[in-house]
Amino acid sequence: MNRAEVVKIRRGTVGDARLLCDLVGAVQELHLAARPDFFKPYVVTPEMVNAFKVQLTDANTYVYIGEVNGEAIGYILAQLVNRPENPYIYERQYLHIDQMAVNPEYRSKGCGERLMQQVFDLARSLGVQTVTLNVWAFNQRAIAFYERQGFTVRDMRMEAHLE
C-alpha cells in the first residue's frame, strides 16, 4: 500500500462471514505459535462461518472492514455491552473490541488506525465514553499499537498451570 492508495472503511454484512474467516487467519496463526496449548490450528469450518453470520446479524455487534482498491485487508468487530449496576459496580455501557485483524503485508500502513477510529467514532455516536479490548501478553506488537491509540492497562488476567 502506498500513499496513493486509500483505506476505505465499510460496515460488514452477513455476506462477509467467509471473508472475515480469511482475515482472522493471520491472527489465529500468531496466537497458535505463541500458545499451542490454548489455540487450535487454524482451519475455516462451516461452524466458524456461521458464528460470524450470527455476529453480523446481532444488533449490538458492529463489524467494519478496511479495503484498499476493493480488496479487504482488515476488520474490527466491536460489541455494545450494557452491564447493570450490582452491589460492587455502577451500571456501565461500553464498546468492547472483540476482534481485530489486519493482513500482515498491510500492517503499519494506517489500516488499523482507520479501523480503530471508526470504532471511536461509533462510540461517540452512541454516547459511549469507554472502549475496551483484551490482548494477549505475548502480542507486543498489538500492545504497542493499542497504546498508540490511547489504550492503557485497566486490569490483568493471570493464570497458573498446575501439573
C-alpha atoms as a PDB file:
ATOM      1  CA  MET A   1       0.000   0.000   0.000  1.00  0.00           C
ATOM      2  CA  ASN A   2       1.392   3.408  -0.905  1.00  0.00           C
ATOM      3  CA  ARG A   3       0.227   6.941  -0.191  1.00  0.00           C
ATOM      4  CA  ALA A   4      -1.949   6.982  -3.315  1.00  0.00           C
ATOM      5  CA  GLU A   5      -3.948   4.011  -2.036  1.00  0.00           C
ATOM      6  CA  VAL A   6      -6.673   4.955   0.399  1.00  0.00           C
ATOM      7  CA  VAL A   7      -8.118   2.662   3.038  1.00  0.00           C
ATOM      8  CA  LYS A   8     -11.892   2.713   2.755  1.00  0.00           C
ATOM      9  CA  ILE A   9     -13.940   1.527   5.691  1.00  0.00           C
ATOM     10  CA  ARG A  10     -17.329  -0.093   5.232  1.00  0.00           C
ATOM     11  CA  ARG A  11     -19.805  -1.840   7.504  1.00  0.00           C
ATOM     12  CA  GLY A  12     -19.676  -5.630   7.356  1.00  0.00           C
ATOM     13  CA  THR A  13     -22.701  -7.607   6.201  1.00  0.00           C
ATOM     14  CA  VAL A  14     -23.784 -11.231   6.567  1.00  0.00           C
ATOM     15  CA  GLY A  15     -22.301 -11.841   3.137  1.00  0.00           C
ATOM     16  CA  ASP A  16     -18.848 -11.054   4.594  1.00  0.00           C
ATOM     17  CA  ALA A  17     -18.813 -14.007   7.010  1.00  0.00           C
ATOM     18  CA  ARG A  18     -16.431 -16.127   4.925  1.00  0.00           C
ATOM     19  CA  LEU A  19     -14.220 -13.109   4.217  1.00  0.00           C
ATOM     20  CA  LEU A  20     -13.849 -12.472   7.952  1.00  0.00           C
ATOM     21  CA  CYS A  21     -12.738 -16.070   8.431  1.00  0.00           C
ATOM     22  CA  ASP A  22      -9.946 -15.439   5.942  1.00  0.00           C
ATOM     23  CA  LEU A  23      -8.931 -12.140   7.542  1.00  0.00           C
ATOM     24  CA  VAL A  24      -8.682 -13.560  11.059  1.00  0.00           C
ATOM     25  CA  GLY A  25      -6.362 -16.364   9.943  1.00  0.00           C
ATOM     26  CA  ALA A  26      -3.083 -14.462  10.406  1.00  0.00           C
ATOM     27  CA  VAL A  27      -4.029 -13.506  13.966  1.00  0.00           C
ATOM     28  CA  GLN A  28      -5.048 -17.072  14.793  1.00  0.00           C
ATOM     29  CA  GLU A  29      -1.709 -18.356  13.454  1.00  0.00           C
ATOM     30  CA  LEU A  30       0.150 -15.811  15.610  1.00  0.00           C
ATOM     31  CA  HIS A  31      -1.825 -16.953  18.646  1.00  0.00           C
ATOM     32  CA  LEU A  32      -1.226 -20.612  17.833  1.00  0.00           C
ATOM     33  CA  ALA A  33       2.536 -20.079  17.510  1.00  0.00           C
ATOM     34  CA  ALA A  34       2.696 -18.429  20.929  1.00  0.00           C
ATOM     35  CA  ARG A  35       0.186 -20.656  22.768  1.00  0.00           C
ATOM     36  CA  PRO A  36      -0.286 -24.049  21.072  1.00  0.00           C
ATOM     37  CA  ASP A  37      -1.619 -25.328  24.410  1.00  0.00           C
ATOM     38  CA  PHE A  38      -4.553 -22.924  24.103  1.00  0.00           C
ATOM     39  CA  PHE A  39      -5.241 -22.221  20.421  1.00  0.00           C
ATOM     40  CA  LYS A  40      -6.248 -24.732  17.760  1.00  0.00           C
ATOM     41  CA  PRO A  41      -4.639 -24.886  14.310  1.00  0.00           C
ATOM     42  CA  TYR A  42      -6.452 -22.522  12.001  1.00  0.00           C
ATOM     43  CA  VAL A  43      -8.952 -24.174   9.675  1.00  0.00           C
ATOM     44  CA  VAL A  44     -12.036 -22.454   8.306  1.00  0.00           C
ATOM     45  CA  THR A  45     -15.081 -24.538   9.125  1.00  0.00           C
ATOM     46  CA  PRO A  46     -18.797 -24.108   8.440  1.00  0.00           C
ATOM     47  CA  GLU A  47     -19.248 -23.507  12.186  1.00  0.00           C
ATOM     48  CA  MET A  48     -16.775 -20.614  12.057  1.00  0.00           C
ATOM     49  CA  VAL A  49     -18.558 -19.047   9.074  1.00  0.00           C
ATOM     50  CA  ASN A  50     -21.894 -19.460  10.849  1.00  0.00           C
ATOM     51  CA  ALA A  51     -20.522 -17.865  14.040  1.00  0.00           C
ATOM     52  CA  PHE A  52     -19.591 -14.772  12.035  1.00  0.00           C
ATOM     53  CA  LYS A  53     -23.044 -14.761  10.406  1.00  0.00           C
ATOM     54  CA  VAL A  54     -24.655 -14.749  13.842  1.00  0.00           C
ATOM     55  CA  GLN A  55     -22.449 -11.865  14.982  1.00  0.00           C
ATOM     56  CA  LEU A  56     -23.123  -9.914  11.801  1.00  0.00           C
ATOM     57  CA  THR A  57     -26.878 -10.078  12.466  1.00  0.00           C
ATOM     58  CA  ASP A  58     -26.645  -9.083  16.153  1.00  0.00           C
ATOM     59  CA  ALA A  59     -27.915  -5.531  16.696  1.00  0.00           C
ATOM     60  CA  ASN A  60     -25.239  -4.883  19.344  1.00  0.00           C
ATOM     61  CA  THR A  61     -22.336  -6.071  17.187  1.00  0.00           C
ATOM     62  CA  TYR A  62     -20.571  -3.750  14.756  1.00  0.00           C
ATOM     63  CA  VAL A  63     -18.165  -5.041  12.121  1.00  0.00           C
ATOM     64  CA  TYR A  64     -16.116  -2.739   9.922  1.00  0.00           C
ATOM     65  CA  ILE A  65     -13.930  -3.866   7.043  1.00  0.00           C
ATOM     66  CA  GLY A  66     -10.954  -1.950   5.678  1.00  0.00           C
ATOM     67  CA  GLU A  67     -10.399  -2.163   1.937  1.00  0.00           C
ATOM     68  CA  VAL A  68      -7.741  -0.922  -0.475  1.00  0.00           C
ATOM     69  CA  ASN A  69      -8.675  -0.890  -4.146  1.00  0.00           C
ATOM     70  CA  GLY A  70     -11.640  -3.141  -3.356  1.00  0.00           C
ATOM     71  CA  GLU A  71      -9.518  -5.732  -1.527  1.00  0.00           C
ATOM     72  CA  ALA A  72     -10.383  -6.445   2.112  1.00  0.00           C
ATOM     73  CA  ILE A  73      -7.218  -6.014   4.187  1.00  0.00           C
ATOM     74  CA  GLY A  74      -8.527  -5.920   7.750  1.00  0.00           C
ATOM     75  CA  TYR A  75     -11.518  -5.766  10.037  1.00  0.00           C
ATOM     76  CA  ILE A  76     -12.621  -4.844  13.520  1.00  0.00           C
ATOM     77  CA  LEU A  77     -15.538  -6.312  15.486  1.00  0.00           C
ATOM     78  CA  ALA A  78     -16.946  -4.375  18.435  1.00  0.00           C
ATOM     79  CA  GLN A  79     -19.851  -5.198  20.703  1.00  0.00           C
ATOM     80  CA  LEU A  80     -22.020  -2.780  22.649  1.00  0.00           C
ATOM     81  CA  VAL A  81     -22.126  -4.032  26.235  1.00  0.00           C
ATOM     82  CA  ASN A  82     -24.644  -2.963  28.882  1.00  0.00           C
ATOM     83  CA  ARG A  83     -23.723  -4.010  32.407  1.00  0.00           C
ATOM     84  CA  PRO A  84     -26.353  -3.389  35.080  1.00  0.00           C
ATOM     85  CA  GLU A  85     -25.432  -1.991  38.437  1.00  0.00           C
ATOM     86  CA  ASN A  86     -24.807  -4.501  41.197  1.00  0.00           C
ATOM     87  CA  PRO A  87     -23.516  -4.261  44.790  1.00  0.00           C
ATOM     88  CA  TYR A  88     -19.926  -3.926  43.519  1.00  0.00           C
ATOM     89  CA  ILE A  89     -20.032  -1.783  40.382  1.00  0.00           C
ATOM     90  CA  TYR A  90     -22.056   1.006  38.830  1.00  0.00           C
ATOM     91  CA  GLU A  91     -24.092   0.484  35.698  1.00  0.00           C
ATOM     92  CA  ARG A  92     -21.827   0.670  32.652  1.00  0.00           C
ATOM     93  CA  GLN A  93     -22.215   0.846  28.923  1.00  0.00           C
ATOM     94  CA  TYR A  94     -19.150   0.433  26.731  1.00  0.00           C
ATOM     95  CA  LEU A  95     -17.938  -0.813  23.380  1.00  0.00           C
ATOM     96  CA  HIS A  96     -15.739  -3.888  23.566  1.00  0.00           C
ATOM     97  CA  ILE A  97     -13.437  -4.678  20.664  1.00  0.00           C
ATOM     98  CA  ASP A  98     -13.661  -8.448  20.494  1.00  0.00           C
ATOM     99  CA  GLN A  99     -11.604  -8.959  17.325  1.00  0.00           C
ATOM    100  CA  MET A 100      -9.267  -7.028  15.093  1.00  0.00           C
ATOM    101  CA  ALA A 101      -7.076  -8.240  12.255  1.00  0.00           C
ATOM    102  CA  VAL A 102      -5.027  -6.622   9.517  1.00  0.00           C
ATOM    103  CA  ASN A 103      -3.274  -8.628   6.810  1.00  0.00           C
ATOM    104  CA  PRO A 104       0.449  -8.758   7.667  1.00  0.00           C
ATOM    105  CA  GLU A 105       1.518  -7.054   4.425  1.00  0.00           C
ATOM    106  CA  TYR A 106      -0.683  -4.044   5.279  1.00  0.00           C
ATOM    107  CA  ARG A 107       0.323  -3.601   8.917  1.00  0.00           C
ATOM    108  CA  SER A 108       1.851  -0.268   9.963  1.00  0.00           C
ATOM    109  CA  LYS A 109       0.288   1.431   6.940  1.00  0.00           C
ATOM    110  CA  GLY A 110      -2.764   3.064   8.501  1.00  0.00           C
ATOM    111  CA  CYS A 111      -5.491   0.434   8.197  1.00  0.00           C
ATOM    112  CA  GLY A 112      -5.525  -0.411  11.903  1.00  0.00           C
ATOM    113  CA  GLU A 113      -5.696   3.253  12.847  1.00  0.00           C
ATOM    114  CA  ARG A 114      -8.612   3.816  10.453  1.00  0.00           C
ATOM    115  CA  LEU A 115     -10.490   0.815  11.836  1.00  0.00           C
ATOM    116  CA  MET A 116      -9.875   1.931  15.416  1.00  0.00           C
ATOM    117  CA  GLN A 117     -11.007   5.468  14.591  1.00  0.00           C
ATOM    118  CA  GLN A 118     -14.206   4.028  13.141  1.00  0.00           C
ATOM    119  CA  VAL A 119     -14.939   2.327  16.465  1.00  0.00           C
ATOM    120  CA  PHE A 120     -14.116   5.504  18.420  1.00  0.00           C
ATOM    121  CA  ASP A 121     -16.489   7.443  16.135  1.00  0.00           C
ATOM    122  CA  LEU A 122     -19.155   4.780  16.644  1.00  0.00           C
ATOM    123  CA  ALA A 123     -18.756   5.023  20.420  1.00  0.00           C
ATOM    124  CA  ARG A 124     -19.204   8.792  20.308  1.00  0.00           C
ATOM    125  CA  SER A 125     -22.296   8.470  18.095  1.00  0.00           C
ATOM    126  CA  LEU A 126     -23.796   6.001  20.592  1.00  0.00           C
ATOM    127  CA  GLY A 127     -22.959   8.257  23.538  1.00  0.00           C
ATOM    128  CA  VAL A 128     -20.489   5.704  24.883  1.00  0.00           C
ATOM    129  CA  GLN A 129     -17.387   7.032  26.612  1.00  0.00           C
ATOM    130  CA  THR A 130     -15.371   3.843  27.076  1.00  0.00           C
ATOM    131  CA  VAL A 131     -13.902   1.376  24.585  1.00  0.00           C
ATOM    132  CA  THR A 132     -12.271  -1.811  25.910  1.00  0.00           C
ATOM    133  CA  LEU A 133     -10.345  -4.739  24.475  1.00  0.00           C
ATOM    134  CA  ASN A 134      -8.292  -7.710  25.594  1.00  0.00           C
ATOM    135  CA  VAL A 135      -4.848  -8.521  24.258  1.00  0.00           C
ATOM    136  CA  TRP A 136      -2.521 -11.430  24.914  1.00  0.00           C
ATOM    137  CA  ALA A 137       0.643 -10.501  26.844  1.00  0.00           C
ATOM    138  CA  PHE A 138       2.847 -12.165  24.197  1.00  0.00           C
ATOM    139  CA  ASN A 139       1.469  -9.921  21.437  1.00  0.00           C
ATOM    140  CA  GLN A 140       3.825  -6.997  21.980  1.00  0.00           C
ATOM    141  CA  ARG A 141       3.223  -5.532  18.528  1.00  0.00           C
ATOM    142  CA  ALA A 142      -0.525  -5.316  19.174  1.00  0.00           C
ATOM    143  CA  ILE A 143       0.046  -3.901  22.660  1.00  0.00           C
ATOM    144  CA  ALA A 144       2.257  -1.134  21.239  1.00  0.00           C
ATOM    145  CA  PHE A 145      -0.395  -0.373  18.605  1.00  0.00           C
ATOM    146  CA  TYR A 146      -3.190  -0.181  21.186  1.00  0.00           C
ATOM    147  CA  GLU A 147      -1.113   2.079  23.424  1.00  0.00           C
ATOM    148  CA  ARG A 148      -0.561   4.433  20.466  1.00  0.00           C
ATOM    149  CA  GLN A 149      -4.354   4.512  20.062  1.00  0.00           C
ATOM    150  CA  GLY A 150      -4.743   5.667  23.678  1.00  0.00           C
ATOM    151  CA  PHE A 151      -5.440   2.395  25.496  1.00  0.00           C
ATOM    152  CA  THR A 152      -3.963   1.778  28.940  1.00  0.00           C
ATOM    153  CA  VAL A 153      -3.958  -1.302  31.150  1.00  0.00           C
ATOM    154  CA  ARG A 154      -7.063  -1.423  33.325  1.00  0.00           C
ATOM    155  CA  ASP A 155      -6.740  -4.907  34.789  1.00  0.00           C
ATOM    156  CA  MET A 156      -4.811  -8.105  34.154  1.00  0.00           C
ATOM    157  CA  ARG A 157      -5.874 -11.706  33.761  1.00  0.00           C
ATOM    158  CA  MET A 158      -3.378 -14.214  35.105  1.00  0.00           C
ATOM    159  CA  GLU A 159      -3.120 -17.997  35.003  1.00  0.00           C
ATOM    160  CA  ALA A 160      -1.284 -20.748  36.799  1.00  0.00           C
ATOM    161  CA  HIS A 161      -0.605 -24.099  35.129  1.00  0.00           C
ATOM    162  CA  LEU A 162      -0.868 -26.974  37.571  1.00  0.00           C
ATOM    163  CA  GLU A 163       0.867 -30.293  36.973  1.00  0.00           C
END
